[in-house]
Amino acid sequence: RVLSQRTNYLSKSLDKIQNRDEKCKVPDQDGFLSKAKQGIKRTLVNAFLDQRSSFLNLRERRDANEKDNNITCQQLRRMGSSISALAADEISSIANDVLFECIDAFGSVTGYNSDRIQQIAQKYLQALKSQGRHIQSIGQSELYKLNSVLTGFTSSELLQLRSELFRNGNFLSFIGNLDGWTGDQ
């Protein structure tokens, strides 16, 4: 319960630690630090979801007719870098329109495993289709918001993006500096 009340503070603290560790030149050879950070992120995600669950239970008592089982964009943004610890079923439960609205919250975070980043990318494309749009309609500003999620696109999906987007040197530099690209991409 106490952890649920302190999730925002802990999430911001974890982000500060992440920023500090990125500046550190000592390698994490045994993976201990990265495993510890992932464990902390998972604990934070659980706390956010527990906090949300408690809120929904109180809300259900007040209004039994209202059903709201989706995580909101605001809640996802408050998770900060711990968003990368969301499990596959938790990502699946996020409404497409919510994921679409706050894709920059997902894109600004690194540390996803390849399956998770692909799942987020596919869910984003589903949301795009549900709006009656096609992958070719994605503009450069949307691609910047996608950020690290771009690496979850398949090579055939990347080929469907408009070619003129790749004529901008700044944009090429931006996507070239993203971690997680495969040889096919």
Protein backbone atom coordinates (compact mmCIF):
# COMPACT_ATOMS: atom_id res chain seq x y z
CA ARG A 1 0.00 0.00 0.00
CA VAL A 2 2.79 2.41 0.90
CA LEU A 3 4.61 1.51 -2.31
CA SER A 4 1.47 2.30 -4.30
CA GLN A 5 1.37 5.75 -2.76
CA ARG A 6 5.02 6.39 -3.59
CA THR A 7 5.09 5.11 -7.18
CA ASN A 8 5.53 8.52 -8.79
CA TYR A 9 8.46 9.35 -6.53
CA LEU A 10 10.09 5.95 -7.08
CA SER A 11 9.58 6.11 -10.83
CA LYS A 12 11.24 9.53 -11.04
CA SER A 13 14.09 8.29 -8.85
CA LEU A 14 14.60 5.29 -11.11
CA ASP A 15 14.73 7.59 -14.14
CA LYS A 16 17.40 9.70 -12.42
CA ILE A 17 19.42 6.58 -11.64
CA GLN A 18 19.07 5.48 -15.26
CA ASN A 19 20.35 8.85 -16.51
CA ARG A 20 23.27 8.75 -14.09
CA ASP A 21 24.15 5.16 -15.05
CA GLU A 22 24.16 6.06 -18.75
CA LYS A 23 26.95 8.54 -18.01
CA CYS A 24 28.95 5.93 -16.07
CA LYS A 25 31.78 4.32 -18.03
CA VAL A 26 32.10 1.15 -15.92
CA PRO A 27 30.56 -1.80 -17.81
CA ASP A 28 27.95 -4.03 -16.20
CA GLN A 29 29.75 -7.20 -17.24
CA ASP A 30 27.75 -9.69 -15.20
CA GLY A 31 24.41 -7.98 -15.87
CA PHE A 32 23.73 -7.53 -12.17
CA LEU A 33 22.82 -3.83 -12.40
CA SER A 34 20.55 -4.27 -15.41
CA LYS A 35 18.77 -7.20 -13.71
CA ALA A 36 18.38 -5.15 -10.53
CA LYS A 37 16.95 -2.19 -12.47
CA GLN A 38 14.55 -4.49 -14.32
CA GLY A 39 13.41 -5.93 -10.98
CA ILE A 40 12.81 -2.45 -9.60
CA LYS A 41 10.88 -1.53 -12.75
CA ARG A 42 8.71 -4.66 -12.42
CA THR A 43 8.01 -3.77 -8.77
CA LEU A 44 7.01 -0.26 -9.84
CA VAL A 45 4.72 -1.58 -12.58
CA ASN A 46 3.07 -3.87 -10.02
CA ALA A 47 2.66 -0.90 -7.67
CA PHE A 48 1.12 1.24 -10.43
CA LEU A 49 -1.27 -1.54 -11.36
CA ASP A 50 -2.14 -2.20 -7.70
CA GLN A 51 -2.78 1.51 -7.21
CA ARG A 52 -4.99 1.54 -10.31
CA SER A 53 -6.79 -1.59 -9.12
CA SER A 54 -7.52 -0.04 -5.73
CA PHE A 55 -8.85 3.08 -7.42
CA LEU A 56 -11.08 1.04 -9.74
CA ASN A 57 -12.46 -0.99 -6.82
CA LEU A 58 -13.42 2.21 -4.99
CA ARG A 59 -14.89 3.58 -8.16
CA GLU A 60 -16.92 0.43 -8.83
CA ARG A 61 -18.49 0.75 -5.40
CA ARG A 62 -19.56 4.29 -6.25
CA ASP A 63 -20.78 3.54 -9.77
CA ALA A 64 -21.47 -0.11 -10.57
CA ASN A 65 -22.64 0.76 -14.09
CA GLU A 66 -19.35 2.26 -15.24
CA LYS A 67 -16.74 -0.14 -16.60
CA ASP A 68 -13.20 1.15 -17.13
CA ASN A 69 -10.64 -1.62 -17.21
CA ASN A 70 -8.03 0.12 -19.34
CA ILE A 71 -4.86 1.77 -18.19
CA THR A 72 -4.93 5.45 -19.10
CA CYS A 73 -2.28 7.38 -20.97
CA GLN A 74 -1.63 9.49 -17.89
CA GLN A 75 -0.95 6.36 -15.84
CA LEU A 76 1.43 5.04 -18.50
CA ARG A 77 3.30 8.35 -18.58
CA ARG A 78 3.62 8.32 -14.78
CA MET A 79 5.32 4.93 -14.99
CA GLY A 80 8.35 6.55 -16.62
CA SER A 81 11.06 4.10 -17.61
CA SER A 82 9.36 1.32 -15.63
CA ILE A 83 6.94 1.08 -18.57
CA SER A 84 9.52 -1.25 -20.16
CA ALA A 85 8.69 -3.87 -17.50
CA LEU A 86 5.07 -4.26 -18.59
CA ALA A 87 4.27 -7.89 -19.38
CA ALA A 88 2.78 -9.04 -22.69
CA ASP A 89 -0.72 -9.45 -21.22
CA GLU A 90 -0.55 -6.00 -19.63
CA ILE A 91 0.35 -4.43 -22.97
CA SER A 92 -2.43 -6.40 -24.66
CA SER A 93 -4.93 -5.01 -22.16
CA ILE A 94 -4.10 -1.40 -23.08
CA ALA A 95 -6.73 0.04 -25.41
CA ASN A 96 -5.40 0.73 -28.91
CA ASP A 97 -6.41 4.39 -28.78
CA VAL A 98 -4.59 4.85 -25.44
CA LEU A 99 -1.42 3.23 -26.77
CA PHE A 100 -1.65 5.38 -29.90
CA GLU A 101 -2.16 8.56 -27.86
CA CYS A 102 0.85 7.98 -25.66
CA ILE A 103 3.21 6.11 -27.99
CA ASP A 104 5.88 8.69 -27.14
CA ALA A 105 5.85 7.37 -23.55
CA PHE A 106 6.74 3.93 -24.91
CA GLY A 107 9.14 5.31 -27.51
CA SER A 108 11.17 7.40 -25.09
CA VAL A 109 12.11 4.30 -23.08
CA THR A 110 14.73 1.71 -23.94
CA GLY A 111 15.37 -1.68 -22.39
CA TYR A 112 12.48 -3.61 -23.92
CA ASN A 113 13.10 -7.18 -24.98
CA SER A 114 12.61 -7.78 -28.72
CA ASP A 115 9.25 -9.55 -28.32
CA ARG A 116 7.83 -6.69 -26.26
CA ILE A 117 8.97 -3.94 -28.66
CA GLN A 118 7.48 -5.89 -31.57
CA GLN A 119 4.22 -6.29 -29.65
CA ILE A 120 4.06 -2.54 -28.99
CA ALA A 121 4.82 -1.77 -32.64
CA GLN A 122 2.11 -4.16 -33.85
CA LYS A 123 -0.42 -2.72 -31.41
CA TYR A 124 0.45 0.76 -32.68
CA LEU A 125 -0.15 -0.36 -36.27
CA GLN A 126 -3.49 -1.89 -35.23
CA ALA A 127 -4.47 1.43 -33.67
CA LEU A 128 -3.44 3.20 -36.86
CA LYS A 129 -5.65 0.86 -38.92
CA SER A 130 -8.58 1.32 -36.54
CA GLN A 131 -8.36 5.04 -37.34
CA GLY A 132 -8.65 4.22 -41.04
CA ARG A 133 -5.00 5.01 -41.67
CA HIS A 134 -2.22 3.03 -43.32
CA ILE A 135 1.45 2.79 -42.41
CA GLN A 136 2.21 5.06 -45.39
CA SER A 137 0.29 7.86 -43.68
CA ILE A 138 2.79 8.05 -40.82
CA GLY A 139 4.59 11.38 -40.91
CA GLN A 140 8.02 12.31 -39.67
CA SER A 141 6.74 13.81 -36.41
CA GLU A 142 4.98 10.52 -35.61
CA LEU A 143 8.16 8.59 -36.35
CA TYR A 144 10.04 10.78 -33.88
CA LYS A 145 7.36 9.99 -31.28
CA LEU A 146 7.70 6.27 -32.00
CA ASN A 147 11.43 6.55 -31.27
CA SER A 148 12.62 3.17 -29.92
CA VAL A 149 9.33 1.50 -30.97
CA LEU A 150 10.48 1.88 -34.59
CA THR A 151 12.89 -1.01 -34.01
CA GLY A 152 9.84 -3.24 -33.46
CA PHE A 153 8.64 -2.75 -37.02
CA THR A 154 9.41 -5.59 -39.42
CA SER A 155 11.61 -4.91 -42.43
CA SER A 156 8.56 -5.11 -44.73
CA GLU A 157 6.72 -2.55 -42.58
CA LEU A 158 9.72 -0.21 -42.67
CA LEU A 159 9.75 -0.51 -46.47
CA GLN A 160 6.14 0.70 -46.54
CA LEU A 161 7.07 4.03 -44.94
CA ARG A 162 7.23 6.91 -47.41
CA SER A 163 10.70 7.13 -48.96
CA GLU A 164 10.85 10.93 -48.76
CA LEU A 165 11.00 10.62 -44.96
CA PHE A 166 14.45 9.10 -45.32
CA ARG A 167 15.91 11.98 -47.32
CA ASN A 168 16.35 14.14 -44.23
CA GLY A 169 19.86 13.76 -42.79
CA ASN A 170 18.76 14.61 -39.25
CA PHE A 171 16.08 11.94 -39.36
CA LEU A 172 18.50 9.36 -40.76
CA SER A 173 20.92 10.15 -37.96
CA PHE A 174 18.11 9.84 -35.43
CA ILE A 175 16.96 6.39 -36.55
CA GLY A 176 20.53 5.23 -37.12
CA ASN A 177 21.31 5.91 -33.46
CA LEU A 178 18.43 3.78 -32.18
CA ASP A 179 19.53 0.54 -30.51
CA GLY A 180 17.90 -2.77 -31.37
CA TRP A 181 17.92 -2.88 -35.16
CA THR A 182 18.28 -6.32 -36.73
CA GLY A 183 20.25 -7.12 -39.88
CA ASP A 184 17.03 -7.45 -41.92
CA GLN A 185 15.81 -4.05 -40.87
